[in-house]
Amino acid sequence: NPEPFDQKLPLCRLYDKKPKFLSPKGPVLKKTDIKKYLRQES
C-alpha cells in the first residue's frame, strides 16, 4: 500500500532486478588506488 509520492516512482523497473548482496569484505583496493578521489581538505 504505497504512499502517493511513492506511486510516482517507476518501481516496476526496480522489481525487474534481482538484487545481489555483496560479500562483507567487498572489493580489494589499496590507498594508492583511491588517492585521486580524496579531498585535500579531508
All heavy atoms as atom14 arrays in JSON, in Angstrom:
{
  "sequence": "NPEPFDQKLPLCRLYDKKPKFLSPKGPVLKKTDIKKYLRQES",
  "atom14_mask": [
    [1, 1, 1, 1, 1, 1, 1, 1, 0, 0, 0, 0, 0, 0],
    [1, 1, 1, 1, 1, 1, 1, 0, 0, 0, 0, 0, 0, 0],
    [1, 1, 1, 1, 1, 1, 1, 1, 1, 0, 0, 0, 0, 0],
    [1, 1, 1, 1, 1, 1, 1, 0, 0, 0, 0, 0, 0, 0],
    [1, 1, 1, 1, 1, 1, 1, 1, 1, 1, 1, 0, 0, 0],
    [1, 1, 1, 1, 1, 1, 1, 1, 0, 0, 0, 0, 0, 0],
    [1, 1, 1, 1, 1, 1, 1, 1, 1, 0, 0, 0, 0, 0],
    [1, 1, 1, 1, 1, 1, 1, 1, 1, 0, 0, 0, 0, 0],
    [1, 1, 1, 1, 1, 1, 1, 1, 0, 0, 0, 0, 0, 0],
    [1, 1, 1, 1, 1, 1, 1, 0, 0, 0, 0, 0, 0, 0],
    [1, 1, 1, 1, 1, 1, 1, 1, 0, 0, 0, 0, 0, 0],
    [1, 1, 1, 1, 1, 1, 0, 0, 0, 0, 0, 0, 0, 0],
    [1, 1, 1, 1, 1, 1, 1, 1, 1, 1, 1, 0, 0, 0],
    [1, 1, 1, 1, 1, 1, 1, 1, 0, 0, 0, 0, 0, 0],
    [1, 1, 1, 1, 1, 1, 1, 1, 1, 1, 1, 1, 0, 0],
    [1, 1, 1, 1, 1, 1, 1, 1, 0, 0, 0, 0, 0, 0],
    [1, 1, 1, 1, 1, 1, 1, 1, 1, 0, 0, 0, 0, 0],
    [1, 1, 1, 1, 1, 1, 1, 1, 1, 0, 0, 0, 0, 0],
    [1, 1, 1, 1, 1, 1, 1, 0, 0, 0, 0, 0, 0, 0],
    [1, 1, 1, 1, 1, 1, 1, 1, 1, 0, 0, 0, 0, 0],
    [1, 1, 1, 1, 1, 1, 1, 1, 1, 1, 1, 0, 0, 0],
    [1, 1, 1, 1, 1, 1, 1, 1, 0, 0, 0, 0, 0, 0],
    [1, 1, 1, 1, 1, 1, 0, 0, 0, 0, 0, 0, 0, 0],
    [1, 1, 1, 1, 1, 1, 1, 0, 0, 0, 0, 0, 0, 0],
    [1, 1, 1, 1, 1, 1, 1, 1, 1, 0, 0, 0, 0, 0],
    [1, 1, 1, 1, 0, 0, 0, 0, 0, 0, 0, 0, 0, 0],
    [1, 1, 1, 1, 1, 1, 1, 0, 0, 0, 0, 0, 0, 0],
    [1, 1, 1, 1, 1, 1, 1, 0, 0, 0, 0, 0, 0, 0],
    [1, 1, 1, 1, 1, 1, 1, 1, 0, 0, 0, 0, 0, 0],
    [1, 1, 1, 1, 1, 1, 1, 1, 1, 0, 0, 0, 0, 0],
    [1, 1, 1, 1, 1, 1, 1, 1, 1, 0, 0, 0, 0, 0],
    [1, 1, 1, 1, 1, 1, 1, 0, 0, 0, 0, 0, 0, 0],
    [1, 1, 1, 1, 1, 1, 1, 1, 0, 0, 0, 0, 0, 0],
    [1, 1, 1, 1, 1, 1, 1, 1, 0, 0, 0, 0, 0, 0],
    [1, 1, 1, 1, 1, 1, 1, 1, 1, 0, 0, 0, 0, 0],
    [1, 1, 1, 1, 1, 1, 1, 1, 1, 0, 0, 0, 0, 0],
    [1, 1, 1, 1, 1, 1, 1, 1, 1, 1, 1, 1, 0, 0],
    [1, 1, 1, 1, 1, 1, 1, 1, 0, 0, 0, 0, 0, 0],
    [1, 1, 1, 1, 1, 1, 1, 1, 1, 1, 1, 0, 0, 0],
    [1, 1, 1, 1, 1, 1, 1, 1, 1, 0, 0, 0, 0, 0],
    [1, 1, 1, 1, 1, 1, 1, 1, 1, 0, 0, 0, 0, 0],
    [1, 1, 1, 1, 1, 1, 0, 0, 0, 0, 0, 0, 0, 0]
  ],
  "atom14_positions": [
    [[0.85, -1.19, 0.0], [0.0, 0.0, 0.0], [0.89, 1.24, 0.0], [1.06, 1.89, 1.03], [-0.91, 0.0, 1.24], [-1.82, -1.21, 1.29], [-2.8, -1.28, 0.56], [-1.49, -2.16, 2.15], [0.0, 0.0, 0.0], [0.0, 0.0, 0.0], [0.0, 0.0, 0.0], [0.0, 0.0, 0.0], [0.0, 0.0, 0.0], [0.0, 0.0, 0.0]],
    [[1.5, 1.56, -1.15], [2.46, 2.66, -1.2], [1.82, 4.01, -0.96], [0.63, 4.21, -1.23], [3.02, 2.56, -2.63], [1.94, 1.89, -3.41], [1.3, 0.92, -2.46], [0.0, 0.0, 0.0], [0.0, 0.0, 0.0], [0.0, 0.0, 0.0], [0.0, 0.0, 0.0], [0.0, 0.0, 0.0], [0.0, 0.0, 0.0], [0.0, 0.0, 0.0]],
    [[2.64, 4.95, -0.43], [2.19, 6.32, -0.25], [2.02, 6.98, -1.63], [2.6, 6.54, -2.61], [3.21, 7.09, 0.58], [3.36, 6.58, 2.01], [2.1, 6.8, 2.83], [1.43, 7.83, 2.63], [1.78, 5.92, 3.65], [0.0, 0.0, 0.0], [0.0, 0.0, 0.0], [0.0, 0.0, 0.0], [0.0, 0.0, 0.0], [0.0, 0.0, 0.0]],
    [[1.24, 8.05, -1.72], [1.02, 8.72, -3.02], [2.32, 9.13, -3.71], [2.45, 9.01, -4.92], [0.17, 9.94, -2.63], [-0.56, 9.51, -1.41], [0.38, 8.62, -0.67], [0.0, 0.0, 0.0], [0.0, 0.0, 0.0], [0.0, 0.0, 0.0], [0.0, 0.0, 0.0], [0.0, 0.0, 0.0], [0.0, 0.0, 0.0], [0.0, 0.0, 0.0]],
    [[3.3, 9.62, -2.94], [4.56, 10.03, -3.57], [5.29, 8.82, -4.15], [5.84, 8.87, -5.24], [5.46, 10.74, -2.55], [6.77, 11.22, -3.13], [6.82, 12.42, -3.83], [7.92, 10.47, -3.0], [8.02, 12.87, -4.37], [9.12, 10.91, -3.54], [9.17, 12.11, -4.22], [0.0, 0.0, 0.0], [0.0, 0.0, 0.0], [0.0, 0.0, 0.0]],
    [[5.3, 7.71, -3.4], [5.97, 6.51, -3.88], [5.34, 5.96, -5.16], [6.01, 5.33, -5.97], [5.96, 5.42, -2.8], [6.65, 5.88, -1.52], [7.64, 6.62, -1.64], [6.19, 5.52, -0.43], [0.0, 0.0, 0.0], [0.0, 0.0, 0.0], [0.0, 0.0, 0.0], [0.0, 0.0, 0.0], [0.0, 0.0, 0.0], [0.0, 0.0, 0.0]],
    [[4.05, 6.22, -5.34], [3.37, 5.74, -6.54], [3.89, 6.42, -7.8], [3.75, 5.89, -8.9], [1.87, 5.97, -6.4], [1.2, 5.11, -5.33], [-0.28, 5.39, -5.2], [-0.83, 6.19, -5.96], [-0.93, 4.75, -4.25], [0.0, 0.0, 0.0], [0.0, 0.0, 0.0], [0.0, 0.0, 0.0], [0.0, 0.0, 0.0], [0.0, 0.0, 0.0]],
    [[4.49, 7.59, -7.66], [5.03, 8.29, -8.83], [6.36, 7.71, -9.28], [6.83, 8.0, -10.37], [5.19, 9.78, -8.5], [3.86, 10.48, -8.23], [4.08, 11.93, -7.9], [2.75, 12.64, -7.72], [1.99, 12.12, -6.57], [0.0, 0.0, 0.0], [0.0, 0.0, 0.0], [0.0, 0.0, 0.0], [0.0, 0.0, 0.0], [0.0, 0.0, 0.0]],
    [[7.01, 6.92, -8.43], [8.29, 6.33, -8.79], [8.08, 5.13, -9.69], [7.16, 4.33, -9.45], [9.06, 5.91, -7.53], [9.36, 7.01, -6.52], [9.99, 6.41, -5.27], [10.29, 8.04, -7.11], [0.0, 0.0, 0.0], [0.0, 0.0, 0.0], [0.0, 0.0, 0.0], [0.0, 0.0, 0.0], [0.0, 0.0, 0.0], [0.0, 0.0, 0.0]],
    [[8.9, 4.95, -10.71], [8.77, 3.77, -11.58], [9.33, 2.53, -10.9], [10.35, 1.97, -11.3], [9.6, 4.17, -12.81], [10.61, 5.13, -12.3], [9.95, 5.88, -11.18], [0.0, 0.0, 0.0], [0.0, 0.0, 0.0], [0.0, 0.0, 0.0], [0.0, 0.0, 0.0], [0.0, 0.0, 0.0], [0.0, 0.0, 0.0], [0.0, 0.0, 0.0]],
    [[8.64, 2.09, -9.84], [9.15, 0.99, -9.03], [9.21, -0.32, -9.8], [9.98, -1.22, -9.46], [8.3, 0.83, -7.78], [8.36, 1.99, -6.77], [7.43, 1.71, -5.6], [9.77, 2.22, -6.29], [0.0, 0.0, 0.0], [0.0, 0.0, 0.0], [0.0, 0.0, 0.0], [0.0, 0.0, 0.0], [0.0, 0.0, 0.0], [0.0, 0.0, 0.0]],
    [[8.38, -0.46, -10.83], [8.39, -1.72, -11.59], [9.74, -1.96, -12.24], [10.12, -3.11, -12.46], [7.28, -1.69, -12.63], [5.63, -1.84, -11.9], [0.0, 0.0, 0.0], [0.0, 0.0, 0.0], [0.0, 0.0, 0.0], [0.0, 0.0, 0.0], [0.0, 0.0, 0.0], [0.0, 0.0, 0.0], [0.0, 0.0, 0.0], [0.0, 0.0, 0.0]],
    [[10.46, -0.89, -12.55], [11.81, -1.07, -13.09], [12.73, -1.68, -12.05], [13.67, -2.4, -12.36], [12.35, 0.27, -13.56], [11.63, 0.83, -14.78], [12.02, 2.27, -15.04], [13.47, 2.41, -15.15], [14.1, 3.57, -15.07], [13.42, 4.68, -14.88], [15.4, 3.62, -15.19], [0.0, 0.0, 0.0], [0.0, 0.0, 0.0], [0.0, 0.0, 0.0]],
    [[12.46, -1.36, -10.79], [13.24, -1.94, -9.7], [12.89, -3.41, -9.51], [13.75, -4.25, -9.24], [12.98, -1.16, -8.41], [13.68, -1.64, -7.14], [15.19, -1.54, -7.29], [13.21, -0.83, -5.95], [0.0, 0.0, 0.0], [0.0, 0.0, 0.0], [0.0, 0.0, 0.0], [0.0, 0.0, 0.0], [0.0, 0.0, 0.0], [0.0, 0.0, 0.0]],
    [[11.6, -3.74, -9.67], [11.16, -5.11, -9.45], [11.73, -6.08, -10.47], [11.76, -7.29, -10.25], [9.63, -5.18, -9.47], [8.95, -4.31, -8.44], [7.67, -3.84, -8.65], [9.6, -3.97, -7.26], [7.04, -3.03, -7.71], [8.99, -3.17, -6.32], [7.72, -2.7, -6.55], [7.1, -1.91, -5.63], [0.0, 0.0, 0.0], [0.0, 0.0, 0.0]],
    [[12.16, -5.58, -11.63], [12.73, -6.46, -12.65], [14.14, -6.92, -12.3], [14.7, -7.78, -12.97], [12.76, -5.74, -14.0], [11.36, -5.52, -14.56], [10.46, -6.28, -14.16], [11.18, -4.6, -15.37], [0.0, 0.0, 0.0], [0.0, 0.0, 0.0], [0.0, 0.0, 0.0], [0.0, 0.0, 0.0], [0.0, 0.0, 0.0], [0.0, 0.0, 0.0]],
    [[14.72, -6.32, -11.25], [16.09, -6.66, -10.88], [16.1, -7.67, -9.73], [15.24, -7.64, -8.86], [16.85, -5.4, -10.46], [16.92, -4.33, -11.55], [17.66, -3.11, -11.05], [17.72, -2.04, -12.13], [18.44, -0.83, -11.67], [0.0, 0.0, 0.0], [0.0, 0.0, 0.0], [0.0, 0.0, 0.0], [0.0, 0.0, 0.0], [0.0, 0.0, 0.0]],
    [[17.1, -8.51, -9.75], [17.31, -9.44, -8.65], [18.53, -8.98, -7.88], [19.66, -9.19, -8.31], [17.5, -10.86, -9.17], [17.65, -11.89, -8.05], [17.77, -13.29, -8.6], [17.9, -14.31, -7.47], [18.02, -15.69, -7.99], [0.0, 0.0, 0.0], [0.0, 0.0, 0.0], [0.0, 0.0, 0.0], [0.0, 0.0, 0.0], [0.0, 0.0, 0.0]],
    [[18.35, -8.32, -6.75], [19.5, -7.74, -6.05], [20.45, -8.8, -5.52], [20.04, -9.85, -5.03], [18.85, -6.96, -4.9], [17.51, -7.59, -4.73], [17.09, -8.05, -6.08], [0.0, 0.0, 0.0], [0.0, 0.0, 0.0], [0.0, 0.0, 0.0], [0.0, 0.0, 0.0], [0.0, 0.0, 0.0], [0.0, 0.0, 0.0], [0.0, 0.0, 0.0]],
    [[21.72, -8.51, -5.64], [22.77, -9.38, -5.17], [23.46, -8.71, -3.99], [23.89, -7.57, -4.09], [23.78, -9.65, -6.28], [25.04, -10.38, -5.84], [26.02, -10.46, -7.0], [27.33, -11.1, -6.57], [28.32, -11.11, -7.66], [0.0, 0.0, 0.0], [0.0, 0.0, 0.0], [0.0, 0.0, 0.0], [0.0, 0.0, 0.0], [0.0, 0.0, 0.0]],
    [[23.54, -9.41, -2.87], [24.17, -8.85, -1.69], [25.67, -9.13, -1.74], [26.12, -10.25, -1.95], [23.57, -9.44, -0.41], [22.16, -9.0, -0.18], [21.11, -9.66, -0.79], [21.88, -7.92, 0.62], [19.8, -9.26, -0.6], [20.57, -7.5, 0.83], [19.53, -8.18, 0.22], [0.0, 0.0, 0.0], [0.0, 0.0, 0.0], [0.0, 0.0, 0.0]],
    [[26.44, -8.07, -1.51], [27.89, -8.16, -1.62], [28.48, -8.89, -0.42], [27.95, -8.83, 0.69], [28.49, -6.75, -1.72], [29.96, -6.66, -2.08], [30.18, -7.12, -3.51], [30.44, -5.23, -1.92], [0.0, 0.0, 0.0], [0.0, 0.0, 0.0], [0.0, 0.0, 0.0], [0.0, 0.0, 0.0], [0.0, 0.0, 0.0], [0.0, 0.0, 0.0]],
    [[29.6, -9.55, -0.65], [30.35, -10.16, 0.45], [30.77, -9.07, 1.42], [31.09, -7.95, 1.02], [31.59, -10.87, -0.11], [32.5, -11.15, 0.93], [0.0, 0.0, 0.0], [0.0, 0.0, 0.0], [0.0, 0.0, 0.0], [0.0, 0.0, 0.0], [0.0, 0.0, 0.0], [0.0, 0.0, 0.0], [0.0, 0.0, 0.0], [0.0, 0.0, 0.0]],
    [[30.79, -9.36, 2.75], [31.19, -8.34, 3.74], [32.57, -7.76, 3.49], [32.86, -6.65, 3.89], [31.15, -9.12, 5.06], [30.2, -10.23, 4.82], [30.37, -10.61, 3.38], [0.0, 0.0, 0.0], [0.0, 0.0, 0.0], [0.0, 0.0, 0.0], [0.0, 0.0, 0.0], [0.0, 0.0, 0.0], [0.0, 0.0, 0.0], [0.0, 0.0, 0.0]],
    [[33.43, -8.49, 2.8], [34.78, -7.99, 2.55], [34.81, -6.92, 1.46], [35.59, -5.99, 1.51], [35.7, -9.15, 2.15], [35.94, -10.15, 3.27], [36.91, -11.23, 2.83], [37.16, -12.22, 3.95], [38.11, -13.29, 3.53], [0.0, 0.0, 0.0], [0.0, 0.0, 0.0], [0.0, 0.0, 0.0], [0.0, 0.0, 0.0], [0.0, 0.0, 0.0]],
    [[33.95, -7.06, 0.46], [33.93, -6.09, -0.62], [35.14, -6.21, -1.52], [35.99, -7.09, -1.37], [0.0, 0.0, 0.0], [0.0, 0.0, 0.0], [0.0, 0.0, 0.0], [0.0, 0.0, 0.0], [0.0, 0.0, 0.0], [0.0, 0.0, 0.0], [0.0, 0.0, 0.0], [0.0, 0.0, 0.0], [0.0, 0.0, 0.0], [0.0, 0.0, 0.0]],
    [[35.26, -5.32, -2.51], [36.42, -5.32, -3.41], [37.7, -5.0, -2.64], [37.67, -4.43, -1.56], [36.09, -4.2, -4.42], [34.64, -3.94, -4.26], [34.3, -4.28, -2.86], [0.0, 0.0, 0.0], [0.0, 0.0, 0.0], [0.0, 0.0, 0.0], [0.0, 0.0, 0.0], [0.0, 0.0, 0.0], [0.0, 0.0, 0.0], [0.0, 0.0, 0.0]],
    [[38.82, -5.37, -3.21], [40.12, -5.13, -2.56], [40.81, -3.98, -3.26], [41.07, -4.03, -4.46], [41.01, -6.39, -2.61], [42.36, -6.09, -1.98], [40.32, -7.55, -1.88], [0.0, 0.0, 0.0], [0.0, 0.0, 0.0], [0.0, 0.0, 0.0], [0.0, 0.0, 0.0], [0.0, 0.0, 0.0], [0.0, 0.0, 0.0], [0.0, 0.0, 0.0]],
    [[41.1, -2.92, -2.51], [41.81, -1.76, -3.04], [42.88, -1.33, -2.05], [42.8, -1.61, -0.85], [40.85, -0.58, -3.28], [39.92, -0.64, -4.5], [39.11, 0.65, -4.57], [40.69, -0.84, -5.78], [0.0, 0.0, 0.0], [0.0, 0.0, 0.0], [0.0, 0.0, 0.0], [0.0, 0.0, 0.0], [0.0, 0.0, 0.0], [0.0, 0.0, 0.0]],
    [[43.88, -0.63, -2.57], [44.92, -0.05, -1.73], [44.71, 1.45, -1.64], [43.97, 2.05, -2.42], [46.3, -0.36, -2.33], [46.6, -1.86, -2.43], [47.98, -2.08, -3.06], [48.28, -3.57, -3.18], [49.6, -3.81, -3.8], [0.0, 0.0, 0.0], [0.0, 0.0, 0.0], [0.0, 0.0, 0.0], [0.0, 0.0, 0.0], [0.0, 0.0, 0.0]],
    [[45.41, 2.08, -0.7], [45.27, 3.52, -0.52], [45.7, 4.28, -1.77], [45.15, 5.34, -2.08], [46.08, 3.98, 0.69], [45.44, 3.61, 2.03], [46.12, 4.31, 3.18], [45.38, 4.03, 4.48], [45.99, 4.74, 5.63], [0.0, 0.0, 0.0], [0.0, 0.0, 0.0], [0.0, 0.0, 0.0], [0.0, 0.0, 0.0], [0.0, 0.0, 0.0]],
    [[46.68, 3.74, -2.48], [47.13, 4.42, -3.69], [46.05, 4.42, -4.78], [46.04, 5.29, -5.65], [48.4, 3.75, -4.23], [48.16, 2.33, -4.39], [49.56, 3.95, -3.27], [0.0, 0.0, 0.0], [0.0, 0.0, 0.0], [0.0, 0.0, 0.0], [0.0, 0.0, 0.0], [0.0, 0.0, 0.0], [0.0, 0.0, 0.0], [0.0, 0.0, 0.0]],
    [[45.14, 3.42, -4.72], [44.08, 3.33, -5.73], [43.01, 4.41, -5.55], [42.31, 4.76, -6.5], [43.42, 1.95, -5.68], [44.4, 0.84, -6.0], [45.28, 1.06, -6.85], [44.29, -0.25, -5.4], [0.0, 0.0, 0.0], [0.0, 0.0, 0.0], [0.0, 0.0, 0.0], [0.0, 0.0, 0.0], [0.0, 0.0, 0.0], [0.0, 0.0, 0.0]],
    [[42.85, 4.9, -4.33], [41.78, 5.86, -4.06], [42.3, 7.27, -3.83], [41.52, 8.19, -3.58], [40.95, 5.42, -2.83], [41.81, 5.49, -1.57], [40.38, 4.03, -3.03], [41.02, 5.33, -0.31], [0.0, 0.0, 0.0], [0.0, 0.0, 0.0], [0.0, 0.0, 0.0], [0.0, 0.0, 0.0], [0.0, 0.0, 0.0], [0.0, 0.0, 0.0]],
    [[43.61, 7.44, -3.94], [44.22, 8.73, -3.62], [43.6, 9.87, -4.42], [43.36, 10.97, -3.9], [45.72, 8.66, -3.87], [46.48, 9.9, -3.45], [47.98, 9.72, -3.66], [48.74, 10.97, -3.23], [50.22, 10.81, -3.42], [0.0, 0.0, 0.0], [0.0, 0.0, 0.0], [0.0, 0.0, 0.0], [0.0, 0.0, 0.0], [0.0, 0.0, 0.0]],
    [[43.32, 9.64, -5.68], [42.81, 10.72, -6.54], [41.39, 11.14, -6.19], [40.92, 12.2, -6.64], [42.88, 10.3, -8.0], [42.03, 9.09, -8.35], [42.2, 8.74, -9.82], [41.41, 7.49, -10.21], [41.58, 7.16, -11.64], [0.0, 0.0, 0.0], [0.0, 0.0, 0.0], [0.0, 0.0, 0.0], [0.0, 0.0, 0.0], [0.0, 0.0, 0.0]],
    [[40.68, 10.33, -5.39], [39.31, 10.68, -5.02], [39.23, 11.4, -3.67], [38.15, 11.85, -3.28], [38.44, 9.42, -4.95], [38.42, 8.64, -6.24], [38.97, 7.36, -6.32], [37.86, 9.17, -7.39], [38.96, 6.65, -7.5], [37.84, 8.47, -8.59], [38.41, 7.21, -8.63], [38.4, 6.5, -9.8], [0.0, 0.0, 0.0], [0.0, 0.0, 0.0]],
    [[40.36, 11.49, -2.97], [40.36, 12.1, -1.65], [40.47, 13.62, -1.76], [41.27, 14.14, -2.53], [41.51, 11.55, -0.8], [41.52, 10.04, -0.58], [42.72, 9.64, 0.26], [40.23, 9.59, 0.08], [0.0, 0.0, 0.0], [0.0, 0.0, 0.0], [0.0, 0.0, 0.0], [0.0, 0.0, 0.0], [0.0, 0.0, 0.0], [0.0, 0.0, 0.0]],
    [[39.7, 14.33, -0.98], [39.76, 15.78, -0.94], [40.97, 16.22, -0.13], [41.24, 15.67, 0.94], [38.48, 16.34, -0.3], [37.21, 16.01, -1.08], [37.14, 16.79, -2.36], [35.98, 16.4, -3.19], [35.75, 16.87, -4.39], [36.59, 17.75, -4.92], [34.71, 16.47, -5.09], [0.0, 0.0, 0.0], [0.0, 0.0, 0.0], [0.0, 0.0, 0.0]],
    [[41.69, 17.21, -0.64], [42.87, 17.7, 0.05], [42.53, 18.18, 1.46], [43.3, 18.0, 2.4], [43.49, 18.86, -0.76], [44.78, 19.4, -0.18], [45.9, 18.37, -0.22], [46.03, 17.62, -1.17], [46.71, 18.34, 0.84], [0.0, 0.0, 0.0], [0.0, 0.0, 0.0], [0.0, 0.0, 0.0], [0.0, 0.0, 0.0], [0.0, 0.0, 0.0]],
    [[41.34, 18.77, 1.6], [40.94, 19.3, 2.91], [40.58, 18.19, 3.89], [40.44, 18.46, 5.09], [39.74, 20.22, 2.74], [39.97, 21.43, 1.84], [39.71, 21.14, 0.37], [39.61, 19.94, 0.01], [39.58, 22.1, -0.4], [0.0, 0.0, 0.0], [0.0, 0.0, 0.0], [0.0, 0.0, 0.0], [0.0, 0.0, 0.0], [0.0, 0.0, 0.0]],
    [[40.41, 16.95, 3.41], [39.9, 15.86, 4.27], [40.82, 14.64, 4.29], [40.35, 13.54, 4.59], [38.5, 15.44, 3.8], [37.62, 16.53, 3.76], [0.0, 0.0, 0.0], [0.0, 0.0, 0.0], [0.0, 0.0, 0.0], [0.0, 0.0, 0.0], [0.0, 0.0, 0.0], [0.0, 0.0, 0.0], [0.0, 0.0, 0.0], [0.0, 0.0, 0.0]]
  ]
}
